[in-house]
Amino acid sequence: MANLNRNCDPRRHAWLMTDERIGDALFPTLRALPPGAGVVFRHYGLSRSERHRLFLRIRRLAQARRLRISAAKGMPGAGAHGGRRALTFAAHDRREAVAGRRAGATWLFVSPVFSTRSHAGAGSLGVRRAAPVARGLGVRQIALGGMTADRWLSLRNYGFDGWAAIDGLISSSAGRP
């Protein structure tokens, strides 16, 4: 039987991880994501009021574009990223994956699959060690860390349901190198 998803648009399975270094590319990148993609709002470096204002703008755009949204450190109208009652959860090993499942997460962000600029110098799991981290837990696995659309296409057959990135999405949607 032919794989009808073979040539699917990888952005449909993408999650944008927000942070301050995205800068002016944030909203063009969000607008380039197709319905069904997601965004994990972080922006930890902003003051509480600035962070809340930015989140409300992002949430409004995400809702209009039918994007999934979760937020670290809790924000109104979005599932949590991490913590109790999480929608999304970071898993660097099997123990964290089980904790994410127990927290109710639907998506586990397995990381770092590859080396990443966000955590320069940190080791990476590689595909063979990353793939089994959340296997069999009844949640969706999202590959995070050094991800690009091409990398996700090459490893979706390992059980990953999507991919998450900062740079890997900015460069493909907002024209940044």
C-alpha atoms as a PDB file:
ATOM      1  CA  MET A   1       0.000   0.000   0.000  1.00  0.00           C
ATOM      2  CA  ALA A   2       1.332   3.447  -0.890  1.00  0.00           C
ATOM      3  CA  ASN A   3       2.240   5.830   1.907  1.00  0.00           C
ATOM      4  CA  LEU A   4      -0.063   8.778   1.229  1.00  0.00           C
ATOM      5  CA  ASN A   5       1.901  10.954   3.676  1.00  0.00           C
ATOM      6  CA  ARG A   6       5.207  10.403   1.884  1.00  0.00           C
ATOM      7  CA  ASN A   7       5.320  13.911   0.405  1.00  0.00           C
ATOM      8  CA  CYS A   8       3.387  15.733   3.120  1.00  0.00           C
ATOM      9  CA  ASP A   9       4.337  19.248   4.125  1.00  0.00           C
ATOM     10  CA  PRO A  10       6.582  18.841   7.193  1.00  0.00           C
ATOM     11  CA  ARG A  11       5.353  22.191   8.588  1.00  0.00           C
ATOM     12  CA  ARG A  12       1.976  20.553   9.331  1.00  0.00           C
ATOM     13  CA  HIS A  13       3.789  18.476  11.963  1.00  0.00           C
ATOM     14  CA  ALA A  14       5.935  21.301  13.320  1.00  0.00           C
ATOM     15  CA  TRP A  15       5.985  23.074  16.667  1.00  0.00           C
ATOM     16  CA  LEU A  16       7.661  26.457  17.028  1.00  0.00           C
ATOM     17  CA  MET A  17       9.482  26.875  20.336  1.00  0.00           C
ATOM     18  CA  THR A  18       9.416  30.608  21.053  1.00  0.00           C
ATOM     19  CA  ASP A  19      12.144  32.598  22.775  1.00  0.00           C
ATOM     20  CA  GLU A  20      13.640  36.070  22.709  1.00  0.00           C
ATOM     21  CA  ARG A  21      16.220  35.350  20.015  1.00  0.00           C
ATOM     22  CA  ILE A  22      13.483  34.961  17.391  1.00  0.00           C
ATOM     23  CA  GLY A  23      13.039  38.716  17.479  1.00  0.00           C
ATOM     24  CA  ASP A  24      11.144  40.273  14.580  1.00  0.00           C
ATOM     25  CA  ALA A  25      10.806  36.894  12.840  1.00  0.00           C
ATOM     26  CA  LEU A  26       8.282  35.659  15.444  1.00  0.00           C
ATOM     27  CA  PHE A  27       5.036  36.755  13.814  1.00  0.00           C
ATOM     28  CA  PRO A  28       6.051  36.019  10.200  1.00  0.00           C
ATOM     29  CA  THR A  29       7.097  32.542  11.369  1.00  0.00           C
ATOM     30  CA  LEU A  30       3.771  31.989  13.136  1.00  0.00           C
ATOM     31  CA  ARG A  31       1.852  33.185  10.069  1.00  0.00           C
ATOM     32  CA  ALA A  32       3.781  30.709   7.900  1.00  0.00           C
ATOM     33  CA  LEU A  33       2.702  27.709   9.996  1.00  0.00           C
ATOM     34  CA  PRO A  34      -0.250  25.802   8.549  1.00  0.00           C
ATOM     35  CA  PRO A  35      -3.320  24.807  10.575  1.00  0.00           C
ATOM     36  CA  GLY A  36      -2.557  21.873  12.860  1.00  0.00           C
ATOM     37  CA  ALA A  37       1.005  22.961  13.595  1.00  0.00           C
ATOM     38  CA  GLY A  38       1.817  24.142  17.088  1.00  0.00           C
ATOM     39  CA  VAL A  39       3.609  26.696  19.190  1.00  0.00           C
ATOM     40  CA  VAL A  40       5.173  26.358  22.622  1.00  0.00           C
ATOM     41  CA  PHE A  41       5.271  29.820  24.169  1.00  0.00           C
ATOM     42  CA  ARG A  42       8.300  30.403  26.384  1.00  0.00           C
ATOM     43  CA  HIS A  43       9.885  33.904  26.312  1.00  0.00           C
ATOM     44  CA  TYR A  44      11.238  33.503  29.829  1.00  0.00           C
ATOM     45  CA  GLY A  45      13.301  36.702  29.777  1.00  0.00           C
ATOM     46  CA  LEU A  46      10.406  39.136  29.600  1.00  0.00           C
ATOM     47  CA  SER A  47       8.815  40.812  32.585  1.00  0.00           C
ATOM     48  CA  ARG A  48       5.548  39.268  33.701  1.00  0.00           C
ATOM     49  CA  SER A  49       3.405  41.974  32.091  1.00  0.00           C
ATOM     50  CA  GLU A  50       5.387  42.002  28.818  1.00  0.00           C
ATOM     51  CA  ARG A  51       5.266  38.225  28.656  1.00  0.00           C
ATOM     52  CA  HIS A  52       1.508  38.239  29.211  1.00  0.00           C
ATOM     53  CA  ARG A  53       0.918  40.887  26.506  1.00  0.00           C
ATOM     54  CA  LEU A  54       3.053  38.985  23.990  1.00  0.00           C
ATOM     55  CA  PHE A  55       1.319  35.731  24.849  1.00  0.00           C
ATOM     56  CA  LEU A  56      -2.126  37.270  24.229  1.00  0.00           C
ATOM     57  CA  ARG A  57      -1.014  38.420  20.753  1.00  0.00           C
ATOM     58  CA  ILE A  58       0.417  34.987  19.962  1.00  0.00           C
ATOM     59  CA  ARG A  59      -2.657  33.197  21.312  1.00  0.00           C
ATOM     60  CA  ARG A  60      -4.958  35.368  19.195  1.00  0.00           C
ATOM     61  CA  LEU A  61      -2.942  34.577  16.056  1.00  0.00           C
ATOM     62  CA  ALA A  62      -2.687  30.874  16.955  1.00  0.00           C
ATOM     63  CA  GLN A  63      -6.456  30.626  17.387  1.00  0.00           C
ATOM     64  CA  ALA A  64      -7.102  32.430  14.094  1.00  0.00           C
ATOM     65  CA  ARG A  65      -4.692  30.106  12.279  1.00  0.00           C
ATOM     66  CA  ARG A  66      -5.920  26.970  14.113  1.00  0.00           C
ATOM     67  CA  LEU A  67      -2.518  26.279  15.657  1.00  0.00           C
ATOM     68  CA  ARG A  68      -2.078  24.201  18.797  1.00  0.00           C
ATOM     69  CA  ILE A  69      -0.617  26.186  21.669  1.00  0.00           C
ATOM     70  CA  SER A  70       0.973  25.420  25.002  1.00  0.00           C
ATOM     71  CA  ALA A  71       2.804  27.714  27.375  1.00  0.00           C
ATOM     72  CA  ALA A  72       5.593  27.252  29.866  1.00  0.00           C
ATOM     73  CA  LYS A  73       4.937  28.769  33.290  1.00  0.00           C
ATOM     74  CA  GLY A  74       1.198  28.780  32.640  1.00  0.00           C
ATOM     75  CA  MET A  75      -0.792  31.251  30.600  1.00  0.00           C
ATOM     76  CA  PRO A  76      -4.570  31.629  30.276  1.00  0.00           C
ATOM     77  CA  GLY A  77      -6.167  29.801  27.386  1.00  0.00           C
ATOM     78  CA  ALA A  78      -3.267  27.473  26.639  1.00  0.00           C
ATOM     79  CA  GLY A  79      -2.275  24.029  27.763  1.00  0.00           C
ATOM     80  CA  ALA A  80       0.750  23.838  30.026  1.00  0.00           C
ATOM     81  CA  HIS A  81       4.223  22.955  28.808  1.00  0.00           C
ATOM     82  CA  GLY A  82       5.632  20.901  31.663  1.00  0.00           C
ATOM     83  CA  GLY A  83       4.402  20.638  35.203  1.00  0.00           C
ATOM     84  CA  ARG A  84       1.228  18.989  36.410  1.00  0.00           C
ATOM     85  CA  ARG A  85      -1.639  18.651  33.946  1.00  0.00           C
ATOM     86  CA  ALA A  86       0.650  19.306  31.011  1.00  0.00           C
ATOM     87  CA  LEU A  87      -0.405  19.324  27.378  1.00  0.00           C
ATOM     88  CA  THR A  88       3.225  19.204  26.216  1.00  0.00           C
ATOM     89  CA  PHE A  89       6.231  17.990  28.171  1.00  0.00           C
ATOM     90  CA  ALA A  90       9.997  17.832  27.609  1.00  0.00           C
ATOM     91  CA  ALA A  91      11.521  14.354  27.891  1.00  0.00           C
ATOM     92  CA  HIS A  92      15.280  13.890  27.819  1.00  0.00           C
ATOM     93  CA  ASP A  93      15.083  10.265  28.947  1.00  0.00           C
ATOM     94  CA  ARG A  94      12.559   7.516  29.681  1.00  0.00           C
ATOM     95  CA  ARG A  95      12.031   8.643  33.297  1.00  0.00           C
ATOM     96  CA  GLU A  96      10.974  12.131  32.144  1.00  0.00           C
ATOM     97  CA  ALA A  97       8.781  10.597  29.427  1.00  0.00           C
ATOM     98  CA  VAL A  98       6.918   8.558  32.037  1.00  0.00           C
ATOM     99  CA  ALA A  99       6.578  11.670  34.214  1.00  0.00           C
ATOM    100  CA  GLY A 100       5.137  13.550  31.231  1.00  0.00           C
ATOM    101  CA  ARG A 101       2.646  10.788  30.581  1.00  0.00           C
ATOM    102  CA  ARG A 102       1.604  10.814  34.242  1.00  0.00           C
ATOM    103  CA  ALA A 103       1.143  14.590  34.003  1.00  0.00           C
ATOM    104  CA  GLY A 104      -1.359  13.960  31.204  1.00  0.00           C
ATOM    105  CA  ALA A 105       0.775  15.225  28.314  1.00  0.00           C
ATOM    106  CA  THR A 106      -0.462  14.493  24.831  1.00  0.00           C
ATOM    107  CA  TRP A 107       2.861  15.423  23.203  1.00  0.00           C
ATOM    108  CA  LEU A 108       6.298  14.557  24.561  1.00  0.00           C
ATOM    109  CA  PHE A 109       9.154  16.650  23.202  1.00  0.00           C
ATOM    110  CA  VAL A 110      12.059  14.203  23.076  1.00  0.00           C
ATOM    111  CA  SER A 111      15.322  16.117  23.113  1.00  0.00           C
ATOM    112  CA  PRO A 112      17.947  16.830  22.139  1.00  0.00           C
ATOM    113  CA  VAL A 113      17.869  14.516  19.144  1.00  0.00           C
ATOM    114  CA  PHE A 114      20.696  16.447  17.446  1.00  0.00           C
ATOM    115  CA  SER A 115      23.096  19.139  18.612  1.00  0.00           C
ATOM    116  CA  THR A 116      21.389  22.474  18.955  1.00  0.00           C
ATOM    117  CA  ARG A 117      22.387  26.094  19.195  1.00  0.00           C
ATOM    118  CA  SER A 118      19.989  26.539  22.128  1.00  0.00           C
ATOM    119  CA  HIS A 119      22.136  24.234  24.244  1.00  0.00           C
ATOM    120  CA  ALA A 120      25.550  24.616  22.655  1.00  0.00           C
ATOM    121  CA  GLY A 121      28.034  22.020  23.824  1.00  0.00           C
ATOM    122  CA  ALA A 122      25.407  19.735  25.351  1.00  0.00           C
ATOM    123  CA  GLY A 123      25.363  16.142  24.172  1.00  0.00           C
ATOM    124  CA  SER A 124      22.618  14.856  21.918  1.00  0.00           C
ATOM    125  CA  LEU A 125      20.696  11.592  22.033  1.00  0.00           C
ATOM    126  CA  GLY A 126      20.928  10.729  18.350  1.00  0.00           C
ATOM    127  CA  VAL A 127      18.048   9.034  16.568  1.00  0.00           C
ATOM    128  CA  ARG A 128      18.626   5.505  17.912  1.00  0.00           C
ATOM    129  CA  ARG A 129      18.532   6.604  21.574  1.00  0.00           C
ATOM    130  CA  ALA A 130      15.792   9.231  21.085  1.00  0.00           C
ATOM    131  CA  ALA A 131      13.271   7.008  19.299  1.00  0.00           C
ATOM    132  CA  PRO A 132      12.521   4.646  22.242  1.00  0.00           C
ATOM    133  CA  VAL A 133      12.276   7.382  24.918  1.00  0.00           C
ATOM    134  CA  ALA A 134       8.481   7.656  24.707  1.00  0.00           C
ATOM    135  CA  ARG A 135       7.671   4.508  22.745  1.00  0.00           C
ATOM    136  CA  GLY A 136       4.669   2.574  24.057  1.00  0.00           C
ATOM    137  CA  LEU A 137       3.436   5.323  26.381  1.00  0.00           C
ATOM    138  CA  GLY A 138       0.380   6.228  24.295  1.00  0.00           C
ATOM    139  CA  VAL A 139       1.540   9.782  23.608  1.00  0.00           C
ATOM    140  CA  ARG A 140       2.793  11.548  20.531  1.00  0.00           C
ATOM    141  CA  GLN A 141       6.551  11.951  20.197  1.00  0.00           C
ATOM    142  CA  ILE A 142       7.939  15.239  18.936  1.00  0.00           C
ATOM    143  CA  ALA A 143      11.619  15.358  17.951  1.00  0.00           C
ATOM    144  CA  LEU A 144      13.384  18.446  19.318  1.00  0.00           C
ATOM    145  CA  GLY A 145      16.975  19.600  19.112  1.00  0.00           C
ATOM    146  CA  GLY A 146      18.713  20.601  15.902  1.00  0.00           C
ATOM    147  CA  MET A 147      15.606  19.756  13.906  1.00  0.00           C
ATOM    148  CA  THR A 148      14.802  20.842  10.368  1.00  0.00           C
ATOM    149  CA  ALA A 149      12.042  19.784   7.990  1.00  0.00           C
ATOM    150  CA  ASP A 150      14.459  17.498   6.128  1.00  0.00           C
ATOM    151  CA  ARG A 151      15.617  15.858   9.349  1.00  0.00           C
ATOM    152  CA  TRP A 152      12.044  15.195  10.432  1.00  0.00           C
ATOM    153  CA  LEU A 153      11.192  13.645   7.067  1.00  0.00           C
ATOM    154  CA  SER A 154      14.140  11.298   7.506  1.00  0.00           C
ATOM    155  CA  LEU A 155      13.171  10.194  11.019  1.00  0.00           C
ATOM    156  CA  ARG A 156       9.408  10.094  11.090  1.00  0.00           C
ATOM    157  CA  ASN A 157       9.592   6.379  10.352  1.00  0.00           C
ATOM    158  CA  TYR A 158      11.256   5.954  13.773  1.00  0.00           C
ATOM    159  CA  GLY A 159       7.958   6.758  15.484  1.00  0.00           C
ATOM    160  CA  PHE A 160       8.110  10.543  15.718  1.00  0.00           C
ATOM    161  CA  ASP A 161       4.789  12.268  15.093  1.00  0.00           C
ATOM    162  CA  GLY A 162       6.267  15.722  14.595  1.00  0.00           C
ATOM    163  CA  TRP A 163       9.214  17.981  15.171  1.00  0.00           C
ATOM    164  CA  ALA A 164       9.936  21.180  17.035  1.00  0.00           C
ATOM    165  CA  ALA A 165      12.455  23.898  16.376  1.00  0.00           C
ATOM    166  CA  ILE A 166      13.423  27.509  16.646  1.00  0.00           C
ATOM    167  CA  ASP A 167      16.021  28.075  13.949  1.00  0.00           C
ATOM    168  CA  GLY A 168      14.746  25.204  11.787  1.00  0.00           C
ATOM    169  CA  LEU A 169      11.421  26.956  11.362  1.00  0.00           C
ATOM    170  CA  ILE A 170      12.592  30.544  11.236  1.00  0.00           C
ATOM    171  CA  SER A 171      14.976  29.959   8.370  1.00  0.00           C
ATOM    172  CA  SER A 172      12.361  28.116   6.333  1.00  0.00           C
ATOM    173  CA  SER A 173       9.493  30.540   6.884  1.00  0.00           C
ATOM    174  CA  ALA A 174      10.795  33.989   7.668  1.00  0.00           C
ATOM    175  CA  GLY A 175      13.833  34.184   5.460  1.00  0.00           C
ATOM    176  CA  ARG A 176      16.512  34.121   8.173  1.00  0.00           C
ATOM    177  CA  PRO A 177      19.650  32.115   7.439  1.00  0.00           C
END
